[in-house]
Amino acid sequence: MAKVELKQPIVEAIAEEIKDAQSVVLVDYRGLTVAQDTELRKQLREAGVVYKVYKNTMMKRAFEGTEFAGLEDCLEGPSAIAISKDDATAPARIICNFAKDAPALELKGGVVEGTVYDIAGLTELSKIPSREVLLSRLLGSMQSPIANFARVIKQIAEKDGEAAPAEAAEETAEAPAETAEAPAAE
């Protein structure tokens, strides 16, 4: 069996993983401790990001003819690939945050939604909050005016509610006098 035949399934597996990816980030993982690598993999997995180590030649073949072909220049030295199909900024965000405490982890480059980014570009992208955080902020900003409106309406209702018993008491006080006059007129 030829070496090419053995490598083809791996190339196809990489191609399948990147097929519908919103983002792909390449990193140099040399120098990470086993504990750091395990923690990084856990954080990426929890965010739905696939993180694997492949040979550069295999990734180059898988990237050929795709939007990820621009990453070929980044495939020098040991490379790990982080792939996200859901959250475009998740790999860059998690890896950049993790690299703050593990300086051995180095970004190489990435493709996010079809655009090739260098290390500086990925670092900027990593500052974008996750989709869930952005949605919660949007909902919070939408709820704020509604909550303020509801609070004002409640205060008006409470104010009118206090006035209503006072008016009812005034009407009740006047009512017996009118009833007293009514029988006298008969």
N, C-alpha and C. Protein backbone atom coordinates (compact mmCIF):
# COMPACT_ATOMS: atom_id res chain seq x y z
N MET A 1 0.86 -1.18 0.00
CA MET A 1 0.00 0.00 0.00
C MET A 1 0.90 1.24 0.00
N ALA A 2 0.61 2.17 -0.87
CA ALA A 2 1.43 3.38 -1.00
C ALA A 2 1.11 4.37 0.11
N LYS A 3 2.10 5.22 0.39
CA LYS A 3 1.92 6.22 1.45
C LYS A 3 0.77 7.17 1.13
N VAL A 4 0.61 7.50 -0.15
CA VAL A 4 -0.46 8.41 -0.56
C VAL A 4 -1.82 7.83 -0.18
N GLU A 5 -1.98 6.53 -0.36
CA GLU A 5 -3.25 5.88 -0.01
C GLU A 5 -3.52 5.95 1.48
N LEU A 6 -2.49 5.90 2.29
CA LEU A 6 -2.66 6.00 3.73
C LEU A 6 -3.00 7.42 4.16
N LYS A 7 -2.45 8.38 3.45
CA LYS A 7 -2.66 9.78 3.82
C LYS A 7 -4.00 10.34 3.33
N GLN A 8 -4.52 9.78 2.26
CA GLN A 8 -5.75 10.31 1.67
C GLN A 8 -6.93 10.36 2.65
N PRO A 9 -7.19 9.33 3.45
CA PRO A 9 -8.31 9.42 4.41
C PRO A 9 -8.13 10.55 5.42
N ILE A 10 -6.89 10.82 5.82
CA ILE A 10 -6.64 11.91 6.77
C ILE A 10 -6.93 13.25 6.10
N VAL A 11 -6.46 13.42 4.87
CA VAL A 11 -6.71 14.66 4.12
C VAL A 11 -8.22 14.86 3.95
N GLU A 12 -8.93 13.78 3.62
CA GLU A 12 -10.39 13.86 3.46
C GLU A 12 -11.07 14.21 4.77
N ALA A 13 -10.56 13.68 5.88
CA ALA A 13 -11.14 13.99 7.19
C ALA A 13 -10.96 15.48 7.51
N ILE A 14 -9.79 16.03 7.22
CA ILE A 14 -9.54 17.46 7.46
C ILE A 14 -10.45 18.28 6.56
N ALA A 15 -10.53 17.90 5.30
CA ALA A 15 -11.38 18.63 4.34
C ALA A 15 -12.83 18.62 4.79
N GLU A 16 -13.29 17.50 5.33
CA GLU A 16 -14.67 17.40 5.82
C GLU A 16 -14.89 18.31 7.02
N GLU A 17 -13.91 18.35 7.93
CA GLU A 17 -14.04 19.18 9.13
C GLU A 17 -14.07 20.68 8.80
N ILE A 18 -13.31 21.09 7.79
CA ILE A 18 -13.25 22.52 7.47
C ILE A 18 -14.33 22.94 6.46
N LYS A 19 -15.05 21.95 5.91
CA LYS A 19 -16.00 22.23 4.82
C LYS A 19 -16.98 23.36 5.15
N ASP A 20 -17.67 23.29 6.25
CA ASP A 20 -18.67 24.30 6.60
C ASP A 20 -18.21 25.18 7.77
N ALA A 21 -16.90 25.24 7.97
CA ALA A 21 -16.37 26.00 9.11
C ALA A 21 -16.54 27.50 8.92
N GLN A 22 -16.94 28.18 10.00
CA GLN A 22 -16.98 29.64 10.00
C GLN A 22 -15.60 30.20 10.26
N SER A 23 -14.79 29.43 11.00
CA SER A 23 -13.43 29.89 11.26
C SER A 23 -12.49 28.72 11.49
N VAL A 24 -11.24 28.97 11.11
CA VAL A 24 -10.15 28.02 11.31
C VAL A 24 -8.97 28.83 11.82
N VAL A 25 -8.39 28.40 12.93
CA VAL A 25 -7.23 29.09 13.50
C VAL A 25 -6.11 28.08 13.67
N LEU A 26 -4.90 28.47 13.23
CA LEU A 26 -3.72 27.63 13.40
C LEU A 26 -2.87 28.16 14.53
N VAL A 27 -2.37 27.24 15.35
CA VAL A 27 -1.52 27.64 16.48
C VAL A 27 -0.28 26.76 16.55
N ASP A 28 0.75 27.31 17.17
CA ASP A 28 1.95 26.55 17.51
C ASP A 28 1.81 26.24 19.00
N TYR A 29 1.70 24.98 19.31
CA TYR A 29 1.42 24.53 20.68
C TYR A 29 2.67 24.12 21.44
N ARG A 30 3.85 24.22 20.79
CA ARG A 30 5.10 23.77 21.44
C ARG A 30 5.30 24.53 22.74
N GLY A 31 5.71 23.83 23.76
CA GLY A 31 6.00 24.47 25.04
C GLY A 31 4.85 24.43 26.03
N LEU A 32 3.68 24.00 25.58
CA LEU A 32 2.56 23.86 26.51
C LEU A 32 2.79 22.62 27.38
N THR A 33 2.44 22.73 28.63
CA THR A 33 2.51 21.55 29.49
C THR A 33 1.31 20.66 29.18
N VAL A 34 1.36 19.45 29.63
CA VAL A 34 0.24 18.53 29.42
C VAL A 34 -1.03 19.11 30.06
N ALA A 35 -0.88 19.66 31.26
CA ALA A 35 -2.03 20.25 31.97
C ALA A 35 -2.61 21.43 31.17
N GLN A 36 -1.73 22.27 30.62
CA GLN A 36 -2.21 23.41 29.83
C GLN A 36 -2.91 22.94 28.56
N ASP A 37 -2.31 21.96 27.89
CA ASP A 37 -2.91 21.43 26.66
C ASP A 37 -4.28 20.83 26.96
N THR A 38 -4.39 20.10 28.05
CA THR A 38 -5.66 19.47 28.44
C THR A 38 -6.71 20.55 28.73
N GLU A 39 -6.32 21.60 29.43
CA GLU A 39 -7.26 22.68 29.76
C GLU A 39 -7.70 23.42 28.50
N LEU A 40 -6.75 23.69 27.59
CA LEU A 40 -7.09 24.36 26.33
C LEU A 40 -8.07 23.52 25.53
N ARG A 41 -7.80 22.24 25.41
CA ARG A 41 -8.70 21.34 24.67
C ARG A 41 -10.10 21.33 25.31
N LYS A 42 -10.15 21.34 26.64
CA LYS A 42 -11.44 21.34 27.36
C LYS A 42 -12.22 22.61 27.05
N GLN A 43 -11.56 23.76 27.12
CA GLN A 43 -12.23 25.03 26.85
C GLN A 43 -12.74 25.10 25.41
N LEU A 44 -11.92 24.64 24.47
CA LEU A 44 -12.34 24.64 23.06
C LEU A 44 -13.49 23.68 22.84
N ARG A 45 -13.41 22.50 23.43
CA ARG A 45 -14.48 21.50 23.27
C ARG A 45 -15.80 22.04 23.82
N GLU A 46 -15.76 22.70 24.98
CA GLU A 46 -16.97 23.26 25.59
C GLU A 46 -17.61 24.33 24.71
N ALA A 47 -16.80 24.99 23.88
CA ALA A 47 -17.32 26.01 22.98
C ALA A 47 -17.69 25.43 21.62
N GLY A 48 -17.61 24.11 21.48
CA GLY A 48 -17.97 23.47 20.23
C GLY A 48 -16.89 23.58 19.16
N VAL A 49 -15.66 23.80 19.57
CA VAL A 49 -14.54 23.96 18.64
C VAL A 49 -13.77 22.64 18.55
N VAL A 50 -13.51 22.19 17.33
CA VAL A 50 -12.70 21.00 17.09
C VAL A 50 -11.24 21.43 17.11
N TYR A 51 -10.42 20.75 17.89
CA TYR A 51 -8.99 21.09 18.01
C TYR A 51 -8.18 19.82 17.82
N LYS A 52 -7.35 19.82 16.77
CA LYS A 52 -6.56 18.62 16.48
C LYS A 52 -5.18 19.01 15.96
N VAL A 53 -4.27 18.08 16.06
CA VAL A 53 -2.92 18.24 15.53
C VAL A 53 -2.80 17.35 14.31
N TYR A 54 -2.43 17.96 13.17
CA TYR A 54 -2.21 17.21 11.93
C TYR A 54 -0.85 17.61 11.37
N LYS A 55 -0.34 16.80 10.47
CA LYS A 55 0.88 17.16 9.76
C LYS A 55 0.56 18.30 8.80
N ASN A 56 1.52 19.22 8.67
CA ASN A 56 1.32 20.38 7.79
C ASN A 56 1.02 19.98 6.35
N THR A 57 1.68 18.94 5.86
CA THR A 57 1.44 18.51 4.48
C THR A 57 0.00 18.06 4.28
N MET A 58 -0.55 17.42 5.29
CA MET A 58 -1.95 16.95 5.21
C MET A 58 -2.90 18.15 5.17
N MET A 59 -2.63 19.14 6.03
CA MET A 59 -3.49 20.33 6.05
C MET A 59 -3.37 21.11 4.74
N LYS A 60 -2.15 21.22 4.20
CA LYS A 60 -1.96 21.92 2.92
C LYS A 60 -2.82 21.29 1.84
N ARG A 61 -2.79 19.96 1.76
CA ARG A 61 -3.60 19.26 0.75
C ARG A 61 -5.09 19.48 0.98
N ALA A 62 -5.51 19.47 2.23
CA ALA A 62 -6.93 19.67 2.54
C ALA A 62 -7.37 21.11 2.24
N PHE A 63 -6.46 22.07 2.41
CA PHE A 63 -6.78 23.48 2.19
C PHE A 63 -6.82 23.86 0.71
N GLU A 64 -6.16 23.07 -0.16
CA GLU A 64 -6.07 23.40 -1.59
C GLU A 64 -7.46 23.59 -2.19
N GLY A 65 -7.59 24.73 -2.89
CA GLY A 65 -8.85 25.02 -3.57
C GLY A 65 -9.97 25.49 -2.66
N THR A 66 -9.68 25.77 -1.40
CA THR A 66 -10.71 26.26 -0.47
C THR A 66 -10.34 27.67 -0.01
N GLU A 67 -11.23 28.29 0.73
CA GLU A 67 -10.95 29.62 1.28
C GLU A 67 -9.83 29.59 2.31
N PHE A 68 -9.44 28.39 2.74
CA PHE A 68 -8.39 28.24 3.75
C PHE A 68 -7.00 28.08 3.13
N ALA A 69 -6.92 28.11 1.80
CA ALA A 69 -5.63 27.98 1.11
C ALA A 69 -4.67 29.10 1.52
N GLY A 70 -5.18 30.24 1.92
CA GLY A 70 -4.35 31.36 2.35
C GLY A 70 -3.57 31.07 3.62
N LEU A 71 -3.86 29.97 4.29
CA LEU A 71 -3.16 29.61 5.53
C LEU A 71 -1.89 28.79 5.27
N GLU A 72 -1.62 28.45 4.02
CA GLU A 72 -0.46 27.61 3.72
C GLU A 72 0.84 28.21 4.24
N ASP A 73 0.97 29.54 4.20
CA ASP A 73 2.19 30.19 4.69
C ASP A 73 2.36 30.01 6.20
N CYS A 74 1.28 29.75 6.91
CA CYS A 74 1.34 29.59 8.36
C CYS A 74 1.76 28.18 8.77
N LEU A 75 1.81 27.27 7.81
CA LEU A 75 2.08 25.87 8.12
C LEU A 75 3.59 25.60 8.16
N GLU A 76 4.24 26.19 9.12
CA GLU A 76 5.66 25.98 9.40
C GLU A 76 5.77 25.50 10.83
N GLY A 77 6.55 24.47 11.07
CA GLY A 77 6.69 23.96 12.43
C GLY A 77 5.43 23.22 12.85
N PRO A 78 5.41 22.73 14.09
CA PRO A 78 4.23 22.01 14.58
C PRO A 78 2.98 22.90 14.56
N SER A 79 1.89 22.34 14.07
CA SER A 79 0.65 23.12 13.97
C SER A 79 -0.53 22.34 14.50
N ALA A 80 -1.36 23.04 15.22
CA ALA A 80 -2.65 22.50 15.64
C ALA A 80 -3.71 23.37 14.99
N ILE A 81 -4.85 22.79 14.72
CA ILE A 81 -5.92 23.51 14.04
C ILE A 81 -7.15 23.53 14.95
N ALA A 82 -7.75 24.71 15.05
CA ALA A 82 -9.00 24.89 15.82
C ALA A 82 -10.08 25.27 14.82
N ILE A 83 -11.15 24.50 14.77
CA ILE A 83 -12.20 24.68 13.77
C ILE A 83 -13.54 24.91 14.46
N SER A 84 -14.23 25.98 14.06
CA SER A 84 -15.56 26.24 14.61
C SER A 84 -16.57 26.37 13.49
N LYS A 85 -17.65 25.65 13.63
CA LYS A 85 -18.73 25.73 12.63
C LYS A 85 -19.86 26.64 13.09
N ASP A 86 -19.86 27.00 14.37
CA ASP A 86 -20.97 27.78 14.92
C ASP A 86 -20.58 29.23 15.25
N ASP A 87 -19.62 29.39 16.11
CA ASP A 87 -19.22 30.72 16.59
C ASP A 87 -17.91 31.10 15.90
N ALA A 88 -17.98 32.06 14.99
CA ALA A 88 -16.82 32.44 14.17
C ALA A 88 -15.64 32.95 14.99
N THR A 89 -15.91 33.59 16.12
CA THR A 89 -14.82 34.19 16.89
C THR A 89 -14.34 33.29 18.04
N ALA A 90 -15.01 32.17 18.27
CA ALA A 90 -14.68 31.32 19.42
C ALA A 90 -13.23 30.84 19.44
N PRO A 91 -12.70 30.27 18.35
CA PRO A 91 -11.31 29.79 18.43
C PRO A 91 -10.32 30.91 18.76
N ALA A 92 -10.42 32.04 18.07
CA ALA A 92 -9.50 33.15 18.33
C ALA A 92 -9.67 33.67 19.75
N ARG A 93 -10.91 33.81 20.21
CA ARG A 93 -11.18 34.34 21.54
C ARG A 93 -10.61 33.42 22.63
N ILE A 94 -10.89 32.14 22.53
CA ILE A 94 -10.44 31.19 23.54
C ILE A 94 -8.91 31.07 23.53
N ILE A 95 -8.33 30.95 22.35
CA ILE A 95 -6.88 30.78 22.25
C ILE A 95 -6.14 32.03 22.73
N CYS A 96 -6.61 33.22 22.34
CA CYS A 96 -5.95 34.46 22.79
C CYS A 96 -6.06 34.62 24.31
N ASN A 97 -7.22 34.34 24.86
CA ASN A 97 -7.39 34.43 26.32
C ASN A 97 -6.51 33.41 27.03
N PHE A 98 -6.44 32.21 26.46
CA PHE A 98 -5.63 31.16 27.07
C PHE A 98 -4.14 31.52 27.00
N ALA A 99 -3.72 32.13 25.90
CA ALA A 99 -2.30 32.48 25.69
C ALA A 99 -1.82 33.54 26.69
N LYS A 100 -2.74 34.27 27.31
CA LYS A 100 -2.34 35.26 28.32
C LYS A 100 -1.64 34.57 29.50
N ASP A 101 -2.14 33.39 29.86
CA ASP A 101 -1.55 32.63 30.97
C ASP A 101 -0.58 31.55 30.50
N ALA A 102 -0.58 31.29 29.19
CA ALA A 102 0.31 30.26 28.63
C ALA A 102 1.03 30.86 27.41
N PRO A 103 2.05 31.69 27.64
CA PRO A 103 2.71 32.39 26.53
C PRO A 103 3.36 31.46 25.50
N ALA A 104 3.52 30.19 25.83
CA ALA A 104 4.10 29.25 24.86
C ALA A 104 3.15 29.01 23.69
N LEU A 105 1.85 29.22 23.90
CA LEU A 105 0.86 29.03 22.84
C LEU A 105 0.91 30.24 21.91
N GLU A 106 1.19 29.99 20.64
CA GLU A 106 1.32 31.10 19.69
C GLU A 106 0.34 30.95 18.54
N LEU A 107 -0.39 32.02 18.27
CA LEU A 107 -1.25 32.05 17.08
C LEU A 107 -0.36 32.11 15.85
N LYS A 108 -0.80 31.48 14.78
CA LYS A 108 -0.07 31.55 13.51
C LYS A 108 -0.86 32.35 12.48
N GLY A 109 -2.15 32.14 12.46
CA GLY A 109 -3.02 32.80 11.49
C GLY A 109 -4.36 32.09 11.48
N GLY A 110 -5.28 32.64 10.73
CA GLY A 110 -6.58 32.01 10.66
C GLY A 110 -7.45 32.57 9.56
N VAL A 111 -8.55 31.90 9.32
CA VAL A 111 -9.56 32.36 8.37
C VAL A 111 -10.86 32.43 9.15
N VAL A 112 -11.46 33.62 9.14
CA VAL A 112 -12.75 33.80 9.81
C VAL A 112 -13.73 34.33 8.78
N GLU A 113 -14.79 33.55 8.56
CA GLU A 113 -15.83 33.87 7.58
C GLU A 113 -15.24 34.28 6.24
N GLY A 114 -14.27 33.48 5.77
CA GLY A 114 -13.71 33.68 4.43
C GLY A 114 -12.56 34.66 4.32
N THR A 115 -12.22 35.35 5.40
CA THR A 115 -11.14 36.33 5.37
C THR A 115 -9.93 35.78 6.11
N VAL A 116 -8.75 35.89 5.47
CA VAL A 116 -7.51 35.43 6.10
C VAL A 116 -7.02 36.52 7.05
N TYR A 117 -6.68 36.14 8.27
CA TYR A 117 -6.19 37.08 9.29
C TYR A 117 -4.81 36.65 9.78
N ASP A 118 -3.98 37.65 10.04
CA ASP A 118 -2.69 37.38 10.66
C ASP A 118 -2.88 37.40 12.17
N ILE A 119 -1.80 37.34 12.91
CA ILE A 119 -1.87 37.29 14.38
C ILE A 119 -2.55 38.53 14.94
N ALA A 120 -2.19 39.71 14.43
CA ALA A 120 -2.79 40.96 14.92
C ALA A 120 -4.30 40.99 14.64
N GLY A 121 -4.70 40.53 13.46
CA GLY A 121 -6.13 40.51 13.11
C GLY A 121 -6.91 39.55 14.00
N LEU A 122 -6.31 38.39 14.25
CA LEU A 122 -6.98 37.42 15.13
C LEU A 122 -7.08 37.94 16.55
N THR A 123 -6.06 38.66 16.99
CA THR A 123 -6.08 39.23 18.34
C THR A 123 -7.22 40.23 18.45
N GLU A 124 -7.42 41.05 17.42
CA GLU A 124 -8.53 42.00 17.43
C GLU A 124 -9.88 41.27 17.42
N LEU A 125 -9.98 40.23 16.60
CA LEU A 125 -11.22 39.44 16.55
C LEU A 125 -11.52 38.78 17.88
N SER A 126 -10.48 38.43 18.61
CA SER A 126 -10.68 37.74 19.88
C SER A 126 -11.36 38.63 20.90
N LYS A 127 -11.35 39.93 20.67
CA LYS A 127 -11.99 40.87 21.59
C LYS A 127 -13.49 40.97 21.39
N ILE A 128 -13.98 40.39 20.29
CA ILE A 128 -15.42 40.40 20.03
C ILE A 128 -16.07 39.36 20.94
N PRO A 129 -17.08 39.75 21.70
CA PRO A 129 -17.74 38.79 22.59
C PRO A 129 -18.43 37.68 21.80
N SER A 130 -18.73 36.60 22.49
CA SER A 130 -19.41 35.47 21.85
C SER A 130 -20.82 35.89 21.41
N ARG A 131 -21.40 35.10 20.55
CA ARG A 131 -22.74 35.36 20.04
C ARG A 131 -23.75 35.45 21.19
N GLU A 132 -23.62 34.54 22.17
CA GLU A 132 -24.55 34.53 23.30
C GLU A 132 -24.45 35.83 24.10
N VAL A 133 -23.21 36.30 24.32
CA VAL A 133 -23.02 37.55 25.08
C VAL A 133 -23.61 38.72 24.30
N LEU A 134 -23.38 38.75 22.99
CA LEU A 134 -23.93 39.84 22.17
C LEU A 134 -25.45 39.81 22.19
N LEU A 135 -26.03 38.62 22.09
CA LEU A 135 -27.50 38.51 22.13
C LEU A 135 -28.05 38.94 23.48
N SER A 136 -27.39 38.56 24.56
CA SER A 136 -27.89 38.95 25.88
C SER A 136 -27.77 40.47 26.06
N ARG A 137 -26.70 41.06 25.51
CA ARG A 137 -26.58 42.53 25.58
C ARG A 137 -27.68 43.20 24.78
N LEU A 138 -27.98 42.64 23.60
CA LEU A 138 -29.04 43.20 22.78
C LEU A 138 -30.38 43.11 23.50
N LEU A 139 -30.67 41.94 24.06
CA LEU A 139 -31.92 41.78 24.79
C LEU A 139 -31.98 42.71 26.00
N GLY A 140 -30.86 42.85 26.69
CA GLY A 140 -30.81 43.76 27.83
C GLY A 140 -31.09 45.19 27.43
N SER A 141 -30.52 45.61 26.30
CA SER A 141 -30.75 46.99 25.85
C SER A 141 -32.18 47.17 25.36
N MET A 142 -32.79 46.09 24.86
CA MET A 142 -34.19 46.18 24.43
C MET A 142 -35.12 46.17 25.63
N GLN A 143 -34.76 45.42 26.67
CA GLN A 143 -35.62 45.30 27.84
C GLN A 143 -35.58 46.56 28.70
N SER A 144 -34.47 47.26 28.68
CA SER A 144 -34.30 48.42 29.55
C SER A 144 -35.40 49.47 29.33
N PRO A 145 -35.65 49.92 28.09
CA PRO A 145 -36.73 50.90 27.90
C PRO A 145 -38.10 50.34 28.29
N ILE A 146 -38.31 49.07 28.00
CA ILE A 146 -39.60 48.45 28.35
C ILE A 146 -39.77 48.39 29.86
N ALA A 147 -38.70 48.03 30.57
CA ALA A 147 -38.75 47.96 32.03
C ALA A 147 -38.98 49.35 32.62
N ASN A 148 -38.31 50.36 32.07
CA ASN A 148 -38.51 51.73 32.55
C ASN A 148 -39.95 52.19 32.30
N PHE A 149 -40.49 51.87 31.13
CA PHE A 149 -41.86 52.22 30.80
C PHE A 149 -42.83 51.54 31.78
N ALA A 150 -42.59 50.26 32.04
CA ALA A 150 -43.46 49.52 32.96
C ALA A 150 -43.38 50.12 34.36
N ARG A 151 -42.20 50.54 34.78
CA ARG A 151 -42.02 51.14 36.10
C ARG A 151 -42.82 52.45 36.20
N VAL A 152 -42.75 53.27 35.16
CA VAL A 152 -43.48 54.54 35.15
C VAL A 152 -44.98 54.29 35.19
N ILE A 153 -45.46 53.35 34.40
CA ILE A 153 -46.89 53.01 34.39
C ILE A 153 -47.33 52.53 35.76
N LYS A 154 -46.51 51.71 36.40
CA LYS A 154 -46.83 51.20 37.73
C LYS A 154 -46.91 52.35 38.73
N GLN A 155 -45.96 53.28 38.64
CA GLN A 155 -45.97 54.43 39.56
C GLN A 155 -47.21 55.28 39.34
N ILE A 156 -47.59 55.46 38.07
CA ILE A 156 -48.80 56.23 37.77
C ILE A 156 -50.02 55.51 38.32
N ALA A 157 -50.06 54.20 38.14
CA ALA A 157 -51.19 53.41 38.64
C ALA A 157 -51.26 53.48 40.16
N GLU A 158 -50.10 53.40 40.82
CA GLU A 158 -50.08 53.48 42.28
C GLU A 158 -50.51 54.87 42.74
N LYS A 159 -50.08 55.89 42.04
CA LYS A 159 -50.46 57.26 42.38
C LYS A 159 -51.97 57.44 42.21
N ASP A 160 -52.49 56.96 41.07
CA ASP A 160 -53.93 57.04 40.83
C ASP A 160 -54.68 56.15 41.81
N GLY A 161 -54.08 55.06 42.20
CA GLY A 161 -54.70 54.15 43.17
C GLY A 161 -54.84 54.81 44.53
N GLU A 162 -53.88 55.67 44.92
CA GLU A 162 -53.97 56.39 46.19
C GLU A 162 -55.02 57.49 46.09
N ALA A 163 -55.12 58.11 44.92
CA ALA A 163 -56.09 59.18 44.73
C ALA A 163 -57.50 58.62 44.69
N ALA A 164 -57.66 57.45 44.12
CA ALA A 164 -58.99 56.86 43.99
C ALA A 164 -59.64 56.60 45.34
N PRO A 165 -58.95 56.02 46.35
CA PRO A 165 -59.61 55.82 47.64
C PRO A 165 -59.97 57.15 48.29
N ALA A 166 -59.15 58.18 48.13
CA ALA A 166 -59.45 59.48 48.72
C ALA A 166 -60.70 60.07 48.08
N GLU A 167 -60.80 59.95 46.74
CA GLU A 167 -62.00 60.45 46.05
C GLU A 167 -63.22 59.65 46.47
N ALA A 168 -63.07 58.35 46.63
CA ALA A 168 -64.19 57.50 47.05
C ALA A 168 -64.63 57.88 48.45
N ALA A 169 -63.69 58.22 49.32
CA ALA A 169 -64.03 58.62 50.67
C ALA A 169 -64.79 59.93 50.64
N GLU A 170 -64.37 60.87 49.78
CA GLU A 170 -65.08 62.15 49.67
C GLU A 170 -66.50 61.91 49.17
N GLU A 171 -66.65 61.05 48.16
CA GLU A 171 -67.98 60.75 47.62
C GLU A 171 -68.84 60.07 48.68
N THR A 172 -68.26 59.18 49.48
CA THR A 172 -69.00 58.49 50.52
C THR A 172 -69.45 59.47 51.59
N ALA A 173 -68.58 60.42 51.90
CA ALA A 173 -68.93 61.42 52.91
C ALA A 173 -70.08 62.29 52.43
N GLU A 174 -70.12 62.59 51.16
CA GLU A 174 -71.20 63.42 50.60
C GLU A 174 -72.47 62.60 50.43
N ALA A 175 -72.33 61.34 50.16
CA ALA A 175 -73.51 60.51 49.88
C ALA A 175 -74.47 60.45 51.05
N PRO A 176 -74.08 60.26 52.32
CA PRO A 176 -75.06 60.19 53.38
C PRO A 176 -75.81 61.50 53.54
N ALA A 177 -75.16 62.61 53.29
CA ALA A 177 -75.83 63.90 53.41
C ALA A 177 -76.93 64.00 52.38
N GLU A 178 -76.64 63.53 51.17
CA GLU A 178 -77.66 63.57 50.12
C GLU A 178 -78.80 62.61 50.47
N THR A 179 -78.48 61.47 51.05
CA THR A 179 -79.52 60.52 51.41
C THR A 179 -80.36 61.08 52.54
N ALA A 180 -79.73 61.82 53.39
CA ALA A 180 -80.47 62.40 54.51
C ALA A 180 -81.42 63.45 54.00
N GLU A 181 -81.02 64.22 53.00
CA GLU A 181 -81.90 65.26 52.46
C GLU A 181 -83.02 64.64 51.66
N ALA A 182 -82.76 63.54 51.04
CA ALA A 182 -83.77 62.93 50.17
C ALA A 182 -85.00 62.52 50.98
N PRO A 183 -84.91 61.87 52.11
CA PRO A 183 -86.13 61.50 52.81
C PRO A 183 -86.85 62.73 53.36
N ALA A 184 -86.13 63.79 53.72
CA ALA A 184 -86.78 64.96 54.26
C ALA A 184 -87.61 65.65 53.20
N ALA A 185 -87.21 65.56 51.95
CA ALA A 185 -87.94 66.21 50.89
C ALA A 185 -89.23 65.46 50.60
N GLU A 186 -89.35 64.24 50.95
CA GLU A 186 -90.56 63.50 50.66
C GLU A 186 -91.60 63.93 51.55
